C-alpha atoms as a PDB file:
ATOM      1  CA  MET A   1      39.920 -46.650  -2.718  1.00  0.00           C
ATOM      2  CA  LEU A   2      42.676 -43.976  -1.988  1.00  0.00           C
ATOM      3  CA  VAL A   3      45.644 -45.397  -1.206  1.00  0.00           C
ATOM      4  CA  VAL A   4      48.965 -43.672  -0.234  1.00  0.00           C
ATOM      5  CA  ARG A   5      52.346 -45.351  -1.811  1.00  0.00           C
ATOM      6  CA  PRO A   6      55.697 -44.253  -2.888  1.00  0.00           C
ATOM      7  CA  ILE A   7      55.997 -42.043  -5.629  1.00  0.00           C
ATOM      8  CA  THR A   8      57.352 -43.378  -8.844  1.00  0.00           C
ATOM      9  CA  PRO A   9      59.007 -41.657 -12.246  1.00  0.00           C
ATOM     10  CA  GLN A  10      55.444 -42.234 -13.630  1.00  0.00           C
ATOM     11  CA  ASP A  11      53.872 -39.914 -11.140  1.00  0.00           C
ATOM     12  CA  TYR A  12      56.130 -36.655 -12.626  1.00  0.00           C
ATOM     13  CA  ALA A  13      53.046 -35.273 -14.419  1.00  0.00           C
ATOM     14  CA  ALA A  14      50.621 -35.695 -11.499  1.00  0.00           C
ATOM     15  CA  LEU A  15      53.285 -34.366  -9.258  1.00  0.00           C
ATOM     16  CA  TYR A  16      53.738 -31.374 -11.679  1.00  0.00           C
ATOM     17  CA  THR A  17      50.117 -30.666 -11.605  1.00  0.00           C
ATOM     18  CA  CYS A  18      50.166 -30.613  -7.614  1.00  0.00           C
ATOM     19  CA  ALA A  19      52.955 -28.145  -7.884  1.00  0.00           C
ATOM     20  CA  VAL A  20      51.187 -25.904 -10.102  1.00  0.00           C
ATOM     21  CA  GLU A  21      47.894 -26.092  -8.045  1.00  0.00           C
ATOM     22  CA  SER A  22      49.601 -25.505  -4.841  1.00  0.00           C
ATOM     23  CA  GLY A  23      50.178 -21.772  -5.526  1.00  0.00           C
ATOM     24  CA  TYR A  24      52.392 -19.273  -4.173  1.00  0.00           C
ATOM     25  CA  GLY A  25      54.416 -19.811  -0.750  1.00  0.00           C
ATOM     26  CA  PHE A  26      54.615 -23.607  -1.122  1.00  0.00           C
ATOM     27  CA  THR A  27      58.141 -23.883  -0.872  1.00  0.00           C
ATOM     28  CA  SER A  28      58.836 -27.554  -1.076  1.00  0.00           C
ATOM     29  CA  LEU A  29      56.823 -28.014  -4.041  1.00  0.00           C
ATOM     30  CA  PRO A  30      57.991 -25.360  -6.677  1.00  0.00           C
ATOM     31  CA  VAL A  31      57.193 -25.641 -10.373  1.00  0.00           C
ATOM     32  CA  ASP A  32      60.443 -26.815 -11.548  1.00  0.00           C
ATOM     33  CA  GLU A  33      60.759 -29.968 -13.790  1.00  0.00           C
ATOM     34  CA  GLY A  34      64.390 -30.776 -12.542  1.00  0.00           C
ATOM     35  CA  LEU A  35      63.924 -30.469  -9.114  1.00  0.00           C
ATOM     36  CA  LEU A  36      60.577 -32.447  -9.165  1.00  0.00           C
ATOM     37  CA  LYS A  37      62.413 -35.330 -10.986  1.00  0.00           C
ATOM     38  CA  ARG A  38      65.205 -34.961  -8.901  1.00  0.00           C
ATOM     39  CA  ARG A  39      63.005 -35.133  -5.647  1.00  0.00           C
ATOM     40  CA  ILE A  40      61.414 -38.204  -7.225  1.00  0.00           C
ATOM     41  CA  ALA A  41      65.010 -39.910  -8.017  1.00  0.00           C
ATOM     42  CA  ARG A  42      65.897 -39.095  -4.430  1.00  0.00           C
ATOM     43  CA  ALA A  43      62.806 -40.685  -2.763  1.00  0.00           C
ATOM     44  CA  GLN A  44      63.464 -43.839  -4.755  1.00  0.00           C
ATOM     45  CA  GLU A  45      66.708 -43.868  -3.305  1.00  0.00           C
ATOM     46  CA  ALA A  46      65.460 -43.488   0.192  1.00  0.00           C
ATOM     47  CA  PHE A  47      62.663 -46.210  -0.301  1.00  0.00           C
ATOM     48  CA  ALA A  48      65.243 -48.734  -1.840  1.00  0.00           C
ATOM     49  CA  ARG A  49      67.468 -48.650   1.322  1.00  0.00           C
ATOM     50  CA  ASP A  50      66.324 -51.722   3.220  1.00  0.00           C
ATOM     51  CA  HIS A  51      68.654 -50.947   6.202  1.00  0.00           C
ATOM     52  CA  VAL A  52      68.855 -47.661   7.735  1.00  0.00           C
ATOM     53  CA  SER A  53      70.421 -47.309  11.470  1.00  0.00           C
ATOM     54  CA  GLU A  54      70.137 -43.576  11.793  1.00  0.00           C
ATOM     55  CA  PRO A  55      68.549 -40.513   9.902  1.00  0.00           C
ATOM     56  CA  GLY A  56      70.375 -38.988   7.271  1.00  0.00           C
ATOM     57  CA  GLU A  57      69.731 -37.597   3.610  1.00  0.00           C
ATOM     58  CA  GLU A  58      66.523 -39.252   2.984  1.00  0.00           C
ATOM     59  CA  GLY A  59      63.703 -37.582   1.498  1.00  0.00           C
ATOM     60  CA  TYR A  60      60.431 -39.805   1.388  1.00  0.00           C
ATOM     61  CA  LEU A  61      58.052 -38.604  -0.908  1.00  0.00           C
ATOM     62  CA  PHE A  62      54.702 -40.394  -1.326  1.00  0.00           C
ATOM     63  CA  VAL A  63      51.473 -39.832  -3.434  1.00  0.00           C
ATOM     64  CA  MET A  64      47.805 -40.864  -2.784  1.00  0.00           C
ATOM     65  CA  GLU A  65      45.892 -42.665  -5.478  1.00  0.00           C
ATOM     66  CA  ASP A  66      42.649 -43.581  -6.633  1.00  0.00           C
ATOM     67  CA  THR A  67      43.125 -47.297  -7.512  1.00  0.00           C
ATOM     68  CA  GLU A  68      39.777 -47.332  -9.276  1.00  0.00           C
ATOM     69  CA  THR A  69      41.183 -44.655 -11.927  1.00  0.00           C
ATOM     70  CA  GLY A  70      45.000 -44.607 -11.414  1.00  0.00           C
ATOM     71  CA  GLU A  71      44.565 -41.063 -10.692  1.00  0.00           C
ATOM     72  CA  VAL A  72      46.825 -39.263  -8.388  1.00  0.00           C
ATOM     73  CA  VAL A  73      45.158 -36.782  -6.167  1.00  0.00           C
ATOM     74  CA  GLY A  74      47.824 -35.712  -3.616  1.00  0.00           C
ATOM     75  CA  CYS A  75      51.063 -35.730  -2.076  1.00  0.00           C
ATOM     76  CA  SER A  76      53.039 -36.070   1.057  1.00  0.00           C
ATOM     77  CA  GLY A  77      56.482 -36.172   2.310  1.00  0.00           C
ATOM     78  CA  ILE A  78      58.876 -36.716   5.141  1.00  0.00           C
ATOM     79  CA  GLU A  79      62.579 -35.367   5.335  1.00  0.00           C
ATOM     80  CA  ALA A  80      64.414 -37.823   7.682  1.00  0.00           C
ATOM     81  CA  ALA A  81      67.035 -35.184   8.745  1.00  0.00           C
ATOM     82  CA  VAL A  82      67.250 -31.584   7.495  1.00  0.00           C
ATOM     83  CA  GLY A  83      70.025 -29.158   7.230  1.00  0.00           C
ATOM     84  CA  LEU A  84      72.889 -31.787   7.042  1.00  0.00           C
ATOM     85  CA  THR A  85      74.262 -30.441   3.867  1.00  0.00           C
ATOM     86  CA  GLU A  86      72.660 -27.390   3.362  1.00  0.00           C
ATOM     87  CA  ALA A  87      71.799 -24.544   5.590  1.00  0.00           C
ATOM     88  CA  PHE A  88      68.315 -24.903   7.279  1.00  0.00           C
ATOM     89  CA  TYR A  89      67.336 -21.253   8.211  1.00  0.00           C
ATOM     90  CA  HIS A  90      64.618 -19.666  10.674  1.00  0.00           C
ATOM     91  CA  TYR A  91      64.026 -16.876  12.657  1.00  0.00           C
ATOM     92  CA  ARG A  92      63.788 -17.413  16.600  1.00  0.00           C
ATOM     93  CA  LEU A  93      61.670 -15.087  18.478  1.00  0.00           C
ATOM     94  CA  GLY A  94      63.279 -13.778  21.647  1.00  0.00           C
ATOM     95  CA  LYS A  95      63.426 -10.836  23.934  1.00  0.00           C
ATOM     96  CA  VAL A  96      66.007  -8.243  24.852  1.00  0.00           C
ATOM     97  CA  VAL A  97      65.408  -6.253  28.242  1.00  0.00           C
ATOM     98  CA  HIS A  98      66.403  -2.657  28.574  1.00  0.00           C
ATOM     99  CA  HIS A  99      66.287  -1.239  31.881  1.00  0.00           C
ATOM    100  CA  SER A 100      67.555   1.862  33.355  1.00  0.00           C
ATOM    101  CA  LYS A 101      67.044   1.909  37.248  1.00  0.00           C
ATOM    102  CA  SER A 102      68.214   5.648  37.642  1.00  0.00           C
ATOM    103  CA  LEU A 103      65.330   6.482  35.272  1.00  0.00           C
ATOM    104  CA  ASP A 104      62.915   4.073  36.020  1.00  0.00           C
ATOM    105  CA  VAL A 105      62.538   2.650  32.495  1.00  0.00           C
ATOM    106  CA  TYR A 106      61.804  -0.855  31.682  1.00  0.00           C
ATOM    107  CA  ASN A 107      61.375  -2.243  27.986  1.00  0.00           C
ATOM    108  CA  ALA A 108      61.141  -5.633  27.042  1.00  0.00           C
ATOM    109  CA  LEU A 109      61.571  -5.834  23.271  1.00  0.00           C
ATOM    110  CA  GLU A 110      60.931  -8.927  20.979  1.00  0.00           C
ATOM    111  CA  THR A 111      63.710  -9.719  18.545  1.00  0.00           C
ATOM    112  CA  LEU A 112      64.083 -11.961  15.474  1.00  0.00           C
ATOM    113  CA  THR A 113      67.313 -14.013  15.297  1.00  0.00           C
ATOM    114  CA  LEU A 114      68.715 -16.035  12.184  1.00  0.00           C
ATOM    115  CA  CYS A 115      69.430 -19.601  13.305  1.00  0.00           C
ATOM    116  CA  ASN A 116      69.961 -23.124  12.231  1.00  0.00           C
ATOM    117  CA  ASP A 117      68.306 -24.517  15.172  1.00  0.00           C
ATOM    118  CA  TYR A 118      66.567 -27.452  13.636  1.00  0.00           C
ATOM    119  CA  THR A 119      69.511 -28.946  12.188  1.00  0.00           C
ATOM    120  CA  GLY A 120      69.392 -32.798  11.995  1.00  0.00           C
ATOM    121  CA  VAL A 121      65.261 -32.871  12.917  1.00  0.00           C
ATOM    122  CA  SER A 122      62.928 -34.913  10.607  1.00  0.00           C
ATOM    123  CA  GLU A 123      60.362 -32.768   8.768  1.00  0.00           C
ATOM    124  CA  LEU A 124      56.978 -33.247   7.576  1.00  0.00           C
ATOM    125  CA  CYS A 125      56.408 -31.756   4.308  1.00  0.00           C
ATOM    126  CA  THR A 126      55.131 -31.389   0.784  1.00  0.00           C
ATOM    127  CA  LEU A 127      51.554 -32.114   1.906  1.00  0.00           C
ATOM    128  CA  PHE A 128      48.989 -31.050  -0.951  1.00  0.00           C
ATOM    129  CA  LEU A 129      45.715 -32.387  -1.824  1.00  0.00           C
ATOM    130  CA  ARG A 130      43.989 -31.493  -4.841  1.00  0.00           C
ATOM    131  CA  GLU A 131      40.468 -29.565  -4.522  1.00  0.00           C
ATOM    132  CA  PRO A 132      38.137 -31.965  -5.624  1.00  0.00           C
ATOM    133  CA  PHE A 133      39.217 -34.809  -3.044  1.00  0.00           C
ATOM    134  CA  ARG A 134      39.318 -32.514  -0.028  1.00  0.00           C
ATOM    135  CA  LYS A 135      36.364 -34.707   1.793  1.00  0.00           C
ATOM    136  CA  ASN A 136      35.842 -37.767   3.378  1.00  0.00           C
ATOM    137  CA  GLN A 137      38.761 -37.007   5.711  1.00  0.00           C
ATOM    138  CA  ASN A 138      41.110 -37.743   2.996  1.00  0.00           C
ATOM    139  CA  GLY A 139      43.181 -34.761   4.139  1.00  0.00           C
ATOM    140  CA  ARG A 140      43.712 -36.353   7.697  1.00  0.00           C
ATOM    141  CA  VAL A 141      44.850 -39.723   5.986  1.00  0.00           C
ATOM    142  CA  LEU A 142      47.381 -38.049   3.715  1.00  0.00           C
ATOM    143  CA  SER A 143      48.767 -36.231   6.779  1.00  0.00           C
ATOM    144  CA  ARG A 144      48.274 -38.712   9.630  1.00  0.00           C
ATOM    145  CA  PHE A 145      49.735 -41.925   7.755  1.00  0.00           C
ATOM    146  CA  ARG A 146      53.146 -40.378   7.801  1.00  0.00           C
ATOM    147  CA  MET A 147      53.377 -40.557  11.558  1.00  0.00           C
ATOM    148  CA  LEU A 148      52.420 -44.347  11.338  1.00  0.00           C
ATOM    149  CA  PHE A 149      55.242 -44.804   8.741  1.00  0.00           C
ATOM    150  CA  MET A 150      57.479 -42.805  11.524  1.00  0.00           C
ATOM    151  CA  ALA A 151      56.289 -45.128  14.041  1.00  0.00           C
ATOM    152  CA  GLU A 152      56.968 -48.392  12.355  1.00  0.00           C
ATOM    153  CA  PHE A 153      60.438 -47.025  10.932  1.00  0.00           C
ATOM    154  CA  ARG A 154      61.488 -44.956  14.352  1.00  0.00           C
ATOM    155  CA  GLU A 155      65.345 -45.752  13.267  1.00  0.00           C
ATOM    156  CA  ARG A 156      64.823 -43.590  10.147  1.00  0.00           C
ATOM    157  CA  PHE A 157      63.931 -40.627  11.806  1.00  0.00           C
ATOM    158  CA  SER A 158      65.189 -37.912  14.406  1.00  0.00           C
ATOM    159  CA  GLN A 159      63.826 -37.861  18.092  1.00  0.00           C
ATOM    160  CA  PHE A 160      62.023 -34.670  17.218  1.00  0.00           C
ATOM    161  CA  ALA A 161      60.017 -33.571  14.096  1.00  0.00           C
ATOM    162  CA  ILE A 162      58.845 -30.104  12.769  1.00  0.00           C
ATOM    163  CA  ALA A 163      56.308 -28.864  10.204  1.00  0.00           C
ATOM    164  CA  GLU A 164      56.661 -25.588   8.618  1.00  0.00           C
ATOM    165  CA  MET A 165      53.296 -23.620   8.102  1.00  0.00           C
ATOM    166  CA  ARG A 166      52.438 -21.232   5.302  1.00  0.00           C
ATOM    167  CA  GLY A 167      52.681 -17.627   6.288  1.00  0.00           C
ATOM    168  CA  VAL A 168      50.194 -15.150   5.216  1.00  0.00           C
ATOM    169  CA  SER A 169      50.333 -13.769   1.820  1.00  0.00           C
ATOM    170  CA  ASN A 170      47.675 -12.333  -0.555  1.00  0.00           C
ATOM    171  CA  ASP A 171      46.116 -13.514  -3.728  1.00  0.00           C
ATOM    172  CA  ASN A 172      49.247 -12.366  -5.691  1.00  0.00           C
ATOM    173  CA  GLY A 173      51.556 -14.321  -3.599  1.00  0.00           C
ATOM    174  CA  GLU A 174      52.652 -11.125  -1.576  1.00  0.00           C
ATOM    175  CA  SER A 175      53.896 -11.405   1.709  1.00  0.00           C
ATOM    176  CA  PRO A 176      53.831  -8.350   4.132  1.00  0.00           C
ATOM    177  CA  PHE A 177      56.771  -9.863   6.197  1.00  0.00           C
ATOM    178  CA  TRP A 178      59.176 -10.435   3.068  1.00  0.00           C
ATOM    179  CA  GLY A 179      58.027  -6.910   1.814  1.00  0.00           C
ATOM    180  CA  TRP A 180      59.816  -5.221   4.740  1.00  0.00           C
ATOM    181  CA  LEU A 181      62.850  -7.421   4.068  1.00  0.00           C
ATOM    182  CA  GLU A 182      62.765  -6.697   0.521  1.00  0.00           C
ATOM    183  CA  LYS A 183      62.661  -2.967   1.032  1.00  0.00           C
ATOM    184  CA  HIS A 184      65.751  -2.710   3.249  1.00  0.00           C
ATOM    185  CA  PHE A 185      67.875  -5.850   2.413  1.00  0.00           C
ATOM    186  CA  PHE A 186      67.085  -7.543  -0.703  1.00  0.00           C
ATOM    187  CA  ASN A 187      66.236  -6.657  -4.414  1.00  0.00           C
ATOM    188  CA  MET A 188      63.811  -9.573  -5.510  1.00  0.00           C
ATOM    189  CA  ASP A 189      60.057 -10.142  -4.826  1.00  0.00           C
ATOM    190  CA  PHE A 190      58.762 -12.598  -2.552  1.00  0.00           C
ATOM    191  CA  ASN A 191      57.712 -15.243  -5.155  1.00  0.00           C
ATOM    192  CA  GLN A 192      61.743 -15.357  -6.743  1.00  0.00           C
ATOM    193  CA  ALA A 193      63.059 -15.618  -3.185  1.00  0.00           C
ATOM    194  CA  ASP A 194      60.660 -18.555  -2.109  1.00  0.00           C
ATOM    195  CA  TYR A 195      61.343 -20.032  -5.694  1.00  0.00           C
ATOM    196  CA  LEU A 196      65.116 -19.937  -5.580  1.00  0.00           C
ATOM    197  CA  THR A 197      64.831 -21.485  -1.986  1.00  0.00           C
ATOM    198  CA  GLY A 198      62.392 -24.249  -3.275  1.00  0.00           C
ATOM    199  CA  ILE A 199      65.004 -25.308  -5.963  1.00  0.00           C
ATOM    200  CA  GLY A 200      68.010 -25.481  -3.360  1.00  0.00           C
ATOM    201  CA  GLU A 201      69.744 -22.043  -4.241  1.00  0.00           C
ATOM    202  CA  LYS A 202      70.128 -20.649  -0.705  1.00  0.00           C
ATOM    203  CA  ALA A 203      73.314 -19.032  -0.696  1.00  0.00           C
ATOM    204  CA  PHE A 204      71.663 -15.538  -1.508  1.00  0.00           C
ATOM    205  CA  VAL A 205      70.154 -16.196   2.482  1.00  0.00           C
ATOM    206  CA  ALA A 206      73.630 -16.102   3.909  1.00  0.00           C
ATOM    207  CA  GLU A 207      74.721 -13.495   1.836  1.00  0.00           C
ATOM    208  CA  LEU A 208      72.084 -10.755   2.133  1.00  0.00           C
ATOM    209  CA  MET A 209      69.932 -11.851   5.087  1.00  0.00           C
ATOM    210  CA  PRO A 210      70.814  -9.603   8.153  1.00  0.00           C
ATOM    211  CA  THR A 211      72.596 -11.819  10.520  1.00  0.00           C
ATOM    212  CA  PHE A 212      72.127  -9.625  13.624  1.00  0.00           C
ATOM    213  CA  PRO A 213      68.787  -9.756  15.558  1.00  0.00           C
ATOM    214  CA  LEU A 214      66.046  -7.673  14.382  1.00  0.00           C
ATOM    215  CA  TYR A 215      64.159  -5.589  16.885  1.00  0.00           C
ATOM    216  CA  VAL A 216      60.460  -6.380  15.957  1.00  0.00           C
ATOM    217  CA  LYS A 217      59.006  -2.985  16.553  1.00  0.00           C
ATOM    218  CA  MET A 218      61.369  -1.939  14.002  1.00  0.00           C
ATOM    219  CA  LEU A 219      59.208  -3.532  11.140  1.00  0.00           C
ATOM    220  CA  GLU A 220      56.317  -2.111   9.472  1.00  0.00           C
ATOM    221  CA  PRO A 221      52.994  -2.917  11.320  1.00  0.00           C
ATOM    222  CA  GLU A 222      51.788  -4.939   8.457  1.00  0.00           C
ATOM    223  CA  ALA A 223      54.781  -7.121   8.847  1.00  0.00           C
ATOM    224  CA  GLN A 224      54.738  -7.409  12.651  1.00  0.00           C
ATOM    225  CA  ALA A 225      51.014  -8.572  12.433  1.00  0.00           C
ATOM    226  CA  VAL A 226      51.735 -11.647  10.519  1.00  0.00           C
ATOM    227  CA  ILE A 227      54.777 -12.938  12.233  1.00  0.00           C
ATOM    228  CA  GLY A 228      53.881 -16.344  13.424  1.00  0.00           C
ATOM    229  CA  LYS A 229      50.583 -16.545  11.627  1.00  0.00           C
ATOM    230  CA  VAL A 230      49.435 -19.018   9.030  1.00  0.00           C
ATOM    231  CA  HIS A 231      47.776 -18.523   5.553  1.00  0.00           C
ATOM    232  CA  GLU A 232      44.232 -19.013   5.791  1.00  0.00           C
ATOM    233  CA  ASN A 233      44.252 -22.220   3.654  1.00  0.00           C
ATOM    234  CA  THR A 234      46.838 -23.772   6.009  1.00  0.00           C
ATOM    235  CA  ARG A 235      44.639 -23.181   9.352  1.00  0.00           C
ATOM    236  CA  PRO A 236      42.905 -26.862   8.918  1.00  0.00           C
ATOM    237  CA  ALA A 237      46.395 -28.624   8.655  1.00  0.00           C
ATOM    238  CA  LEU A 238      47.599 -26.415  11.792  1.00  0.00           C
ATOM    239  CA  ARG A 239      44.881 -27.670  13.804  1.00  0.00           C
ATOM    240  CA  MET A 240      45.325 -31.131  12.695  1.00  0.00           C
ATOM    241  CA  LEU A 241      49.053 -30.980  13.683  1.00  0.00           C
ATOM    242  CA  GLU A 242      48.163 -29.227  17.113  1.00  0.00           C
ATOM    243  CA  ASN A 243      45.859 -32.138  18.162  1.00  0.00           C
ATOM    244  CA  GLU A 244      48.915 -34.603  17.427  1.00  0.00           C
ATOM    245  CA  GLY A 245      50.864 -32.534  19.724  1.00  0.00           C
ATOM    246  CA  PHE A 246      52.821 -30.113  17.710  1.00  0.00           C
ATOM    247  CA  ARG A 247      53.607 -26.959  19.278  1.00  0.00           C
ATOM    248  CA  PHE A 248      54.701 -23.491  18.439  1.00  0.00           C
ATOM    249  CA  ARG A 249      57.980 -22.612  20.051  1.00  0.00           C
ATOM    250  CA  GLY A 250      58.881 -19.421  18.681  1.00  0.00           C
ATOM    251  CA  TYR A 251      60.457 -20.186  15.254  1.00  0.00           C
ATOM    252  CA  VAL A 252      59.292 -18.736  11.887  1.00  0.00           C
ATOM    253  CA  ASP A 253      59.895 -18.714   8.353  1.00  0.00           C
ATOM    254  CA  ILE A 254      62.441 -16.137   7.210  1.00  0.00           C
ATOM    255  CA  PHE A 255      60.402 -15.289   4.057  1.00  0.00           C
ATOM    256  CA  ASP A 256      56.896 -15.036   5.051  1.00  0.00           C
ATOM    257  CA  ALA A 257      56.988 -15.655   9.004  1.00  0.00           C
ATOM    258  CA  GLY A 258      55.007 -18.441   9.202  1.00  0.00           C
ATOM    259  CA  PRO A 259      55.344 -20.409  12.343  1.00  0.00           C
ATOM    260  CA  THR A 260      57.402 -23.669  12.834  1.00  0.00           C
ATOM    261  CA  VAL A 261      55.606 -26.393  15.043  1.00  0.00           C
ATOM    262  CA  GLU A 262      57.606 -29.279  16.716  1.00  0.00           C
ATOM    263  CA  VAL A 263      56.896 -32.272  18.650  1.00  0.00           C
ATOM    264  CA  GLU A 264      59.003 -35.209  20.205  1.00  0.00           C
ATOM    265  CA  VAL A 265      58.185 -38.178  17.842  1.00  0.00           C
ATOM    266  CA  ALA A 266      57.368 -40.396  20.737  1.00  0.00           C
ATOM    267  CA  ASN A 267      54.695 -37.902  21.848  1.00  0.00           C
ATOM    268  CA  ILE A 268      52.847 -37.568  18.579  1.00  0.00           C
ATOM    269  CA  LYS A 269      49.222 -38.938  19.419  1.00  0.00           C
ATOM    270  CA  SER A 270      48.872 -41.088  16.348  1.00  0.00           C
ATOM    271  CA  VAL A 271      52.465 -42.713  17.350  1.00  0.00           C
ATOM    272  CA  ARG A 272      51.480 -43.373  20.688  1.00  0.00           C
ATOM    273  CA  GLU A 273      47.970 -44.428  19.866  1.00  0.00           C
ATOM    274  CA  SER A 274      49.192 -46.675  16.889  1.00  0.00           C
ATOM    275  CA  ARG A 275      49.055 -50.408  17.350  1.00  0.00           C
ATOM    276  CA  ARG A 276      50.956 -53.199  15.415  1.00  0.00           C
ATOM    277  CA  LEU A 277      48.348 -56.161  14.655  1.00  0.00           C
ATOM    278  CA  HIS A 278      48.569 -59.373  12.588  1.00  0.00           C
ATOM    279  CA  VAL A 279      46.049 -59.324   9.878  1.00  0.00           C
ATOM    280  CA  ARG A 280      42.935 -61.471   9.230  1.00  0.00           C
ATOM    281  CA  ILE A 281      40.920 -61.536   6.090  1.00  0.00           C
ATOM    282  CA  GLY A 282      37.389 -61.195   6.380  1.00  0.00           C
ATOM    283  CA  GLU A 283      34.334 -58.842   6.390  1.00  0.00           C
ATOM    284  CA  PRO A 284      34.106 -56.759   9.782  1.00  0.00           C
ATOM    285  CA  SER A 285      30.873 -56.814  11.340  1.00  0.00           C
ATOM    286  CA  ALA A 286      28.500 -53.852  11.016  1.00  0.00           C
ATOM    287  CA  ASP A 287      28.142 -53.478  14.729  1.00  0.00           C
ATOM    288  CA  ASN A 288      32.049 -53.672  15.580  1.00  0.00           C
ATOM    289  CA  ALA A 289      33.716 -52.199  12.688  1.00  0.00           C
ATOM    290  CA  GLN A 290      35.457 -48.680  13.040  1.00  0.00           C
ATOM    291  CA  ARG A 291      37.266 -46.431  10.642  1.00  0.00           C
ATOM    292  CA  PHE A 292      41.081 -46.766  10.841  1.00  0.00           C
ATOM    293  CA  ILE A 293      44.098 -45.566   9.146  1.00  0.00           C
ATOM    294  CA  VAL A 294      46.050 -48.988   8.215  1.00  0.00           C
ATOM    295  CA  CYS A 295      49.215 -49.324   6.514  1.00  0.00           C
ATOM    296  CA  ASN A 296      51.788 -52.659   6.007  1.00  0.00           C
ATOM    297  CA  THR A 297      55.240 -52.477   7.314  1.00  0.00           C
ATOM    298  CA  ARG A 298      57.182 -52.635   4.602  1.00  0.00           C
ATOM    299  CA  VAL A 299      59.154 -49.765   3.064  1.00  0.00           C
ATOM    300  CA  SER A 300      59.554 -50.151  -0.826  1.00  0.00           C
ATOM    301  CA  ASP A 301      56.106 -51.630  -1.061  1.00  0.00           C
ATOM    302  CA  PHE A 302      54.385 -49.438   1.339  1.00  0.00           C
ATOM    303  CA  ARG A 303      50.667 -48.842   1.168  1.00  0.00           C
ATOM    304  CA  ALA A 304      48.415 -46.947   3.719  1.00  0.00           C
ATOM    305  CA  GLY A 305      44.833 -46.004   3.374  1.00  0.00           C
ATOM    306  CA  GLN A 306      41.421 -45.744   5.327  1.00  0.00           C
ATOM    307  CA  ALA A 307      39.442 -48.682   5.921  1.00  0.00           C
ATOM    308  CA  ASN A 308      36.496 -50.192   8.156  1.00  0.00           C
ATOM    309  CA  VAL A 309      38.150 -52.668  10.334  1.00  0.00           C
ATOM    310  CA  GLU A 310      37.414 -54.895  13.494  1.00  0.00           C
ATOM    311  CA  ILE A 311      40.089 -55.078  16.317  1.00  0.00           C
ATOM    312  CA  GLN A 312      39.928 -58.816  17.672  1.00  0.00           C
ATOM    313  CA  ASP A 313      42.715 -58.868  20.394  1.00  0.00           C
ATOM    314  CA  ASP A 314      46.033 -58.649  18.516  1.00  0.00           C
ATOM    315  CA  HIS A 315      44.428 -59.160  15.127  1.00  0.00           C
ATOM    316  CA  LEU A 316      42.957 -56.849  12.661  1.00  0.00           C
ATOM    317  CA  LEU A 317      40.082 -58.073  10.679  1.00  0.00           C
ATOM    318  CA  ILE A 318      40.122 -56.446   7.306  1.00  0.00           C
ATOM    319  CA  SER A 319      38.049 -56.921   4.171  1.00  0.00           C
ATOM    320  CA  PRO A 320      39.450 -58.664   1.026  1.00  0.00           C
ATOM    321  CA  THR A 321      39.303 -55.694  -1.131  1.00  0.00           C
ATOM    322  CA  ALA A 322      40.889 -53.306   1.253  1.00  0.00           C
ATOM    323  CA  ALA A 323      43.692 -55.940   2.156  1.00  0.00           C
ATOM    324  CA  GLN A 324      44.454 -56.098  -1.492  1.00  0.00           C
ATOM    325  CA  ALA A 325      44.795 -52.381  -2.014  1.00  0.00           C
ATOM    326  CA  LEU A 326      47.033 -52.389   0.942  1.00  0.00           C
ATOM    327  CA  ARG A 327      48.868 -55.486  -0.048  1.00  0.00           C
ATOM    328  CA  LEU A 328      48.018 -57.335   3.172  1.00  0.00           C
ATOM    329  CA  ALA A 329      47.723 -60.913   3.427  1.00  0.00           C
ATOM    330  CA  GLU A 330      46.429 -63.167   5.973  1.00  0.00           C
ATOM    331  CA  GLY A 331      49.011 -63.229   8.913  1.00  0.00           C
ATOM    332  CA  ASP A 332      50.836 -60.227   7.881  1.00  0.00           C
ATOM    333  CA  ALA A 333      51.663 -57.502  10.310  1.00  0.00           C
ATOM    334  CA  ALA A 334      49.878 -53.755  10.128  1.00  0.00           C
ATOM    335  CA  ARG A 335      49.810 -51.001  11.958  1.00  0.00           C
ATOM    336  CA  CYS A 336      46.831 -48.697  12.360  1.00  0.00           C
ATOM    337  CA  VAL A 337      45.333 -46.058  14.390  1.00  0.00           C
ATOM    338  CA  ALA A 338      41.757 -44.970  14.636  1.00  0.00           C
ATOM    339  CA  LEU A 339      40.866 -42.190  12.088  1.00  0.00           C
END
């Protein structure tokens, strides 16, 4: 059974493998030993905090493990509140109107303005599932379980949540949008800039990035064409988030112009439709069993996964094998949502 759990120091090698396999443009998972180990340590601190009254610097990082083999097959994370100690940048798409009544000229021009508007919101991040395991709805579980975690521990997260989608780049990791910025404002390629941001070296953004609004029409056509567009490999993840209620509101990444989508946490479909039920151990009947994402209600000992269950009033009937994997006992509380 594939089970999601908090990351541990013993998972470093597997996390490093995920970082290598994730490829170019995956900013939150750079191939950097020091940063990956710091992320693991930071996650351990977050999970160890039993009492949290409001979102802060916590970064929750999970792995998906095959309980039969012990192999880690993917990872997924949540940032409780971004931008509290380091600036969190986006470009905001807007419009400027130039109008001359005497000349009968009217131009509405799109602009890109550097901003920190998402400071303090929660972020779904670091979602990566290794290629051999992209089947049997494992990707949906690895993404959506985070919404159950947020529903169960609302006080740990902001009122709003975002997710940054990877923008368009070619097989060499070259971004058309960054290509224009590099040509006019920077002297480093996309991969270097992306890597520096991933390891927390963001000072160069404030130092070199143009702070005045950019007219979109001034960009090369190739750069204009990718604003708000996602990488081909990211389209399934975007569709899944859109089904959950996430929407694009005009904010894009400052490097590859990929869209950032947002939602009010209370309005996330999986949050709204999730239920907190008492556990009963037993074999669900074939006629009444349904496929659900199920998680326990503990933080440091959190477990989540998909299982065939039977809903009986305010109880969740689950098999002994699945209950053991999810560390659920008779009478425990569990949160679940239909897969």
